[in-house]
Amino acid sequence: MTQNKVMTSIKLQKKLHHRLQQRVIEDGYGMRGKSKWIIESVESLLELADYPTLVDIAEDMDQLSEIVSIRLPEDLMNRIEKAVIKIRKQYPTLEGVKSNLIRASIVQRLLRSTSVTEV
């Protein structure tokens, strides 16, 4: 049974988008593997105990000029919705929580994989 996918889009900084594309290819996902890579990064972010804090930090990003469209499985979208509620309880004034959550997951995965390869 194939899962329903939900189309969503987020804005990224040009530099971050470039690093994302580079990493997706470096990690062997190919040009069409961006959604899969982002899905995995969101899933691993949601496993972190302090993810609301990381999402709050992502709110400070500016110059979000690149639009990235991704297809997320419905069950992950539901988990994101639940996470948004949890984050809003901690940071009631935070705007664009869903986009920030996805951005934070991309940044965290880039940071984690960069630190491993550059050591």
N, C-alpha and C. Protein backbone atom coordinates (compact mmCIF):
# COMPACT_ATOMS: atom_id res chain seq x y z
N MET A 1 0.83 -1.18 0.00
CA MET A 1 0.00 0.00 0.00
C MET A 1 0.88 1.26 0.00
N THR A 2 0.65 2.11 -0.96
CA THR A 2 1.44 3.34 -0.99
C THR A 2 0.80 4.37 -0.10
N GLN A 3 1.64 5.12 0.54
CA GLN A 3 1.16 6.14 1.46
C GLN A 3 0.78 7.40 0.72
N ASN A 4 -0.25 8.06 1.20
CA ASN A 4 -0.59 9.37 0.64
C ASN A 4 0.52 10.35 0.98
N LYS A 5 0.85 11.17 0.00
CA LYS A 5 1.88 12.18 0.22
C LYS A 5 1.22 13.55 0.25
N VAL A 6 1.78 14.40 1.06
CA VAL A 6 1.28 15.76 1.17
C VAL A 6 2.35 16.68 0.61
N MET A 7 1.95 17.52 -0.32
CA MET A 7 2.87 18.46 -0.93
C MET A 7 2.96 19.69 -0.04
N THR A 8 4.17 20.12 0.24
CA THR A 8 4.35 21.34 1.01
C THR A 8 5.59 22.04 0.48
N SER A 9 5.73 23.29 0.79
CA SER A 9 6.96 23.98 0.38
C SER A 9 7.43 24.89 1.50
N ILE A 10 8.73 25.06 1.53
CA ILE A 10 9.35 25.93 2.53
C ILE A 10 10.33 26.83 1.82
N LYS A 11 10.71 27.89 2.50
CA LYS A 11 11.71 28.80 1.95
C LYS A 11 13.03 28.57 2.67
N LEU A 12 14.10 28.59 1.89
CA LEU A 12 15.44 28.43 2.45
C LEU A 12 16.33 29.57 1.98
N GLN A 13 17.41 29.78 2.70
CA GLN A 13 18.42 30.72 2.23
C GLN A 13 19.11 30.07 1.03
N LYS A 14 19.57 30.91 0.12
CA LYS A 14 20.23 30.42 -1.10
C LYS A 14 21.40 29.48 -0.75
N LYS A 15 22.25 29.90 0.18
CA LYS A 15 23.42 29.11 0.57
C LYS A 15 23.00 27.76 1.17
N LEU A 16 21.98 27.81 2.03
CA LEU A 16 21.50 26.58 2.67
C LEU A 16 20.90 25.64 1.63
N HIS A 17 20.16 26.17 0.68
CA HIS A 17 19.56 25.36 -0.37
C HIS A 17 20.64 24.69 -1.20
N HIS A 18 21.69 25.44 -1.51
CA HIS A 18 22.80 24.89 -2.27
C HIS A 18 23.48 23.75 -1.50
N ARG A 19 23.71 23.97 -0.19
CA ARG A 19 24.33 22.93 0.64
C ARG A 19 23.44 21.70 0.73
N LEU A 20 22.14 21.93 0.81
CA LEU A 20 21.18 20.82 0.85
C LEU A 20 21.29 19.99 -0.43
N GLN A 21 21.24 20.66 -1.58
CA GLN A 21 21.32 19.94 -2.86
C GLN A 21 22.63 19.16 -2.97
N GLN A 22 23.72 19.80 -2.57
CA GLN A 22 25.03 19.16 -2.60
C GLN A 22 25.04 17.90 -1.73
N ARG A 23 24.53 18.04 -0.50
CA ARG A 23 24.55 16.93 0.45
C ARG A 23 23.68 15.77 -0.02
N VAL A 24 22.50 16.09 -0.57
CA VAL A 24 21.60 15.05 -1.07
C VAL A 24 22.33 14.20 -2.11
N ILE A 25 23.07 14.86 -3.00
CA ILE A 25 23.81 14.14 -4.04
C ILE A 25 24.99 13.38 -3.43
N GLU A 26 25.74 14.06 -2.53
CA GLU A 26 26.89 13.41 -1.87
C GLU A 26 26.47 12.16 -1.10
N ASP A 27 25.29 12.23 -0.47
CA ASP A 27 24.81 11.10 0.32
C ASP A 27 24.23 9.99 -0.54
N GLY A 28 24.25 10.18 -1.87
CA GLY A 28 23.83 9.13 -2.78
C GLY A 28 22.33 9.04 -3.02
N TYR A 29 21.60 10.12 -2.74
CA TYR A 29 20.15 10.10 -2.95
C TYR A 29 19.77 10.46 -4.38
N GLY A 30 20.71 11.03 -5.12
CA GLY A 30 20.40 11.43 -6.49
C GLY A 30 19.59 12.71 -6.52
N MET A 31 19.36 13.22 -7.73
CA MET A 31 18.66 14.49 -7.90
C MET A 31 17.21 14.42 -7.42
N ARG A 32 16.59 13.27 -7.50
CA ARG A 32 15.18 13.17 -7.13
C ARG A 32 14.99 12.72 -5.67
N GLY A 33 16.08 12.60 -4.94
CA GLY A 33 16.00 12.08 -3.58
C GLY A 33 15.88 13.13 -2.49
N LYS A 34 15.67 14.38 -2.89
CA LYS A 34 15.64 15.47 -1.90
C LYS A 34 14.53 15.26 -0.86
N SER A 35 13.33 14.92 -1.31
CA SER A 35 12.22 14.72 -0.35
C SER A 35 12.56 13.63 0.65
N LYS A 36 13.12 12.51 0.15
CA LYS A 36 13.47 11.39 1.02
C LYS A 36 14.50 11.84 2.07
N TRP A 37 15.49 12.60 1.63
CA TRP A 37 16.53 13.11 2.52
C TRP A 37 15.91 14.01 3.59
N ILE A 38 15.01 14.90 3.17
CA ILE A 38 14.37 15.83 4.10
C ILE A 38 13.45 15.07 5.06
N ILE A 39 12.71 14.08 4.55
CA ILE A 39 11.84 13.26 5.40
C ILE A 39 12.67 12.62 6.52
N GLU A 40 13.80 12.03 6.14
CA GLU A 40 14.67 11.39 7.14
C GLU A 40 15.20 12.41 8.15
N SER A 41 15.51 13.61 7.68
CA SER A 41 16.04 14.62 8.61
C SER A 41 14.95 15.10 9.57
N VAL A 42 13.70 15.22 9.08
CA VAL A 42 12.59 15.61 9.97
C VAL A 42 12.36 14.52 11.01
N GLU A 43 12.36 13.26 10.55
CA GLU A 43 12.15 12.15 11.49
C GLU A 43 13.21 12.13 12.58
N SER A 44 14.47 12.36 12.20
CA SER A 44 15.52 12.32 13.23
C SER A 44 15.45 13.55 14.13
N LEU A 45 15.02 14.70 13.61
CA LEU A 45 14.86 15.88 14.47
C LEU A 45 13.79 15.62 15.52
N LEU A 46 12.68 15.02 15.10
CA LEU A 46 11.56 14.79 16.04
C LEU A 46 11.94 13.80 17.14
N GLU A 47 13.02 13.05 16.95
CA GLU A 47 13.47 12.11 17.98
C GLU A 47 14.31 12.81 19.05
N LEU A 48 14.76 14.02 18.77
CA LEU A 48 15.59 14.75 19.73
C LEU A 48 14.71 15.37 20.81
N ALA A 49 15.16 15.27 22.05
CA ALA A 49 14.37 15.80 23.16
C ALA A 49 14.23 17.32 23.07
N ASP A 50 15.26 17.99 22.56
CA ASP A 50 15.27 19.46 22.56
C ASP A 50 14.84 20.07 21.23
N TYR A 51 14.11 19.29 20.40
CA TYR A 51 13.77 19.84 19.08
C TYR A 51 13.00 21.16 19.11
N PRO A 52 12.12 21.41 20.11
CA PRO A 52 11.46 22.72 20.10
C PRO A 52 12.45 23.89 20.15
N THR A 53 13.54 23.73 20.91
CA THR A 53 14.57 24.77 21.00
C THR A 53 15.25 24.96 19.65
N LEU A 54 15.54 23.86 18.97
CA LEU A 54 16.20 23.94 17.66
C LEU A 54 15.30 24.62 16.64
N VAL A 55 14.00 24.38 16.74
CA VAL A 55 13.03 25.01 15.85
C VAL A 55 12.98 26.51 16.15
N ASP A 56 13.04 26.87 17.41
CA ASP A 56 13.04 28.28 17.79
C ASP A 56 14.25 28.99 17.22
N ILE A 57 15.40 28.34 17.24
CA ILE A 57 16.64 28.92 16.69
C ILE A 57 16.49 29.14 15.18
N ALA A 58 15.83 28.21 14.49
CA ALA A 58 15.66 28.32 13.04
C ALA A 58 14.84 29.55 12.66
N GLU A 59 14.08 30.06 13.62
CA GLU A 59 13.24 31.22 13.37
C GLU A 59 14.07 32.45 13.04
N ASP A 60 15.33 32.45 13.46
CA ASP A 60 16.20 33.61 13.24
C ASP A 60 16.74 33.72 11.81
N MET A 61 16.46 32.74 10.98
CA MET A 61 16.95 32.79 9.60
C MET A 61 16.28 33.91 8.83
N ASP A 62 17.08 34.58 8.00
CA ASP A 62 16.51 35.61 7.14
C ASP A 62 16.95 35.35 5.69
N GLN A 63 16.54 36.22 4.80
CA GLN A 63 16.86 36.09 3.37
C GLN A 63 16.43 34.73 2.83
N LEU A 64 15.21 34.36 3.13
CA LEU A 64 14.69 33.07 2.67
C LEU A 64 14.14 33.27 1.25
N SER A 65 15.03 33.11 0.26
CA SER A 65 14.66 33.44 -1.12
C SER A 65 14.38 32.22 -1.97
N GLU A 66 14.84 31.05 -1.54
CA GLU A 66 14.68 29.84 -2.35
C GLU A 66 13.47 29.05 -1.88
N ILE A 67 12.58 28.71 -2.80
CA ILE A 67 11.41 27.91 -2.44
C ILE A 67 11.68 26.45 -2.79
N VAL A 68 11.53 25.59 -1.80
CA VAL A 68 11.76 24.16 -1.97
C VAL A 68 10.45 23.43 -1.75
N SER A 69 10.03 22.67 -2.75
CA SER A 69 8.81 21.87 -2.60
C SER A 69 9.18 20.45 -2.25
N ILE A 70 8.46 19.89 -1.29
CA ILE A 70 8.73 18.51 -0.87
C ILE A 70 7.42 17.76 -0.71
N ARG A 71 7.51 16.46 -0.91
CA ARG A 71 6.36 15.57 -0.72
C ARG A 71 6.61 14.76 0.54
N LEU A 72 5.74 14.97 1.53
CA LEU A 72 5.89 14.27 2.81
C LEU A 72 4.79 13.25 2.98
N PRO A 73 5.13 12.08 3.55
CA PRO A 73 4.10 11.08 3.83
C PRO A 73 3.08 11.66 4.82
N GLU A 74 1.84 11.25 4.67
CA GLU A 74 0.76 11.77 5.52
C GLU A 74 1.05 11.57 7.01
N ASP A 75 1.56 10.39 7.38
CA ASP A 75 1.80 10.13 8.80
C ASP A 75 2.88 11.05 9.37
N LEU A 76 3.88 11.40 8.55
CA LEU A 76 4.90 12.34 9.02
C LEU A 76 4.30 13.74 9.15
N MET A 77 3.43 14.10 8.22
CA MET A 77 2.76 15.39 8.29
C MET A 77 1.94 15.48 9.59
N ASN A 78 1.29 14.38 9.97
CA ASN A 78 0.54 14.34 11.23
C ASN A 78 1.47 14.51 12.43
N ARG A 79 2.64 13.85 12.36
CA ARG A 79 3.62 14.01 13.45
C ARG A 79 4.12 15.44 13.52
N ILE A 80 4.30 16.07 12.36
CA ILE A 80 4.72 17.47 12.33
C ILE A 80 3.65 18.35 12.97
N GLU A 81 2.38 18.08 12.64
CA GLU A 81 1.27 18.86 13.23
C GLU A 81 1.28 18.75 14.76
N LYS A 82 1.51 17.54 15.27
CA LYS A 82 1.57 17.34 16.73
C LYS A 82 2.76 18.09 17.32
N ALA A 83 3.88 18.05 16.60
CA ALA A 83 5.09 18.75 17.05
C ALA A 83 4.86 20.25 17.09
N VAL A 84 4.12 20.77 16.10
CA VAL A 84 3.81 22.20 16.06
C VAL A 84 3.08 22.61 17.33
N ILE A 85 2.13 21.79 17.76
CA ILE A 85 1.36 22.08 18.98
C ILE A 85 2.31 22.11 20.19
N LYS A 86 3.18 21.12 20.27
CA LYS A 86 4.14 21.06 21.37
C LYS A 86 5.06 22.29 21.37
N ILE A 87 5.53 22.67 20.18
CA ILE A 87 6.44 23.82 20.07
C ILE A 87 5.71 25.11 20.45
N ARG A 88 4.46 25.25 20.00
CA ARG A 88 3.67 26.46 20.31
C ARG A 88 3.44 26.60 21.81
N LYS A 89 3.35 25.48 22.52
CA LYS A 89 3.19 25.56 23.99
C LYS A 89 4.43 26.16 24.63
N GLN A 90 5.60 25.82 24.07
CA GLN A 90 6.86 26.34 24.61
C GLN A 90 7.17 27.74 24.08
N TYR A 91 6.84 27.98 22.81
CA TYR A 91 7.15 29.26 22.16
C TYR A 91 5.88 29.81 21.51
N PRO A 92 4.97 30.36 22.32
CA PRO A 92 3.66 30.78 21.78
C PRO A 92 3.71 31.85 20.71
N THR A 93 4.78 32.63 20.67
CA THR A 93 4.85 33.72 19.69
C THR A 93 5.53 33.33 18.39
N LEU A 94 6.03 32.11 18.32
CA LEU A 94 6.76 31.66 17.14
C LEU A 94 5.86 31.61 15.91
N GLU A 95 6.34 32.18 14.82
CA GLU A 95 5.58 32.19 13.56
C GLU A 95 6.10 31.10 12.63
N GLY A 96 5.27 30.62 11.74
CA GLY A 96 5.70 29.66 10.72
C GLY A 96 6.38 28.44 11.29
N VAL A 97 5.77 27.85 12.31
CA VAL A 97 6.40 26.75 13.05
C VAL A 97 6.72 25.56 12.14
N LYS A 98 5.79 25.20 11.26
CA LYS A 98 6.01 24.03 10.41
C LYS A 98 7.23 24.22 9.50
N SER A 99 7.32 25.38 8.86
CA SER A 99 8.48 25.67 8.01
C SER A 99 9.76 25.69 8.82
N ASN A 100 9.70 26.31 10.00
CA ASN A 100 10.88 26.36 10.86
C ASN A 100 11.31 24.96 11.29
N LEU A 101 10.36 24.10 11.55
CA LEU A 101 10.67 22.73 11.95
C LEU A 101 11.41 22.02 10.81
N ILE A 102 10.92 22.15 9.60
CA ILE A 102 11.57 21.50 8.46
C ILE A 102 12.95 22.12 8.21
N ARG A 103 13.03 23.46 8.30
CA ARG A 103 14.33 24.13 8.13
C ARG A 103 15.31 23.66 9.20
N ALA A 104 14.85 23.60 10.45
CA ALA A 104 15.72 23.16 11.55
C ALA A 104 16.23 21.74 11.31
N SER A 105 15.37 20.88 10.79
CA SER A 105 15.79 19.49 10.56
C SER A 105 16.85 19.42 9.46
N ILE A 106 16.72 20.25 8.44
CA ILE A 106 17.71 20.29 7.36
C ILE A 106 19.05 20.77 7.92
N VAL A 107 19.01 21.87 8.67
CA VAL A 107 20.23 22.44 9.25
C VAL A 107 20.91 21.44 10.18
N GLN A 108 20.11 20.79 11.04
CA GLN A 108 20.68 19.83 11.99
C GLN A 108 21.35 18.66 11.26
N ARG A 109 20.70 18.16 10.22
CA ARG A 109 21.29 17.03 9.50
C ARG A 109 22.57 17.47 8.78
N LEU A 110 22.55 18.65 8.21
CA LEU A 110 23.77 19.16 7.56
C LEU A 110 24.88 19.33 8.58
N LEU A 111 24.57 19.88 9.74
CA LEU A 111 25.59 20.09 10.77
C LEU A 111 26.12 18.76 11.28
N ARG A 112 25.23 17.83 11.54
CA ARG A 112 25.66 16.54 12.09
C ARG A 112 26.51 15.77 11.09
N SER A 113 26.11 15.77 9.82
CA SER A 113 26.89 15.01 8.85
C SER A 113 28.17 15.73 8.48
N THR A 114 28.18 17.07 8.55
CA THR A 114 29.38 17.82 8.27
C THR A 114 30.42 17.56 9.34
N SER A 115 30.00 17.62 10.60
CA SER A 115 30.96 17.44 11.69
C SER A 115 31.59 16.06 11.67
N VAL A 116 30.84 15.07 11.19
CA VAL A 116 31.38 13.72 11.12
C VAL A 116 32.43 13.61 10.01
N THR A 117 32.13 14.19 8.84
CA THR A 117 33.05 14.03 7.71
C THR A 117 34.26 14.94 7.80
N GLU A 118 34.15 16.04 8.52
CA GLU A 118 35.27 16.98 8.53
C GLU A 118 36.23 16.75 9.70
N VAL A 119 35.96 15.78 10.52
CA VAL A 119 36.81 15.52 11.69
C VAL A 119 38.03 14.72 11.27
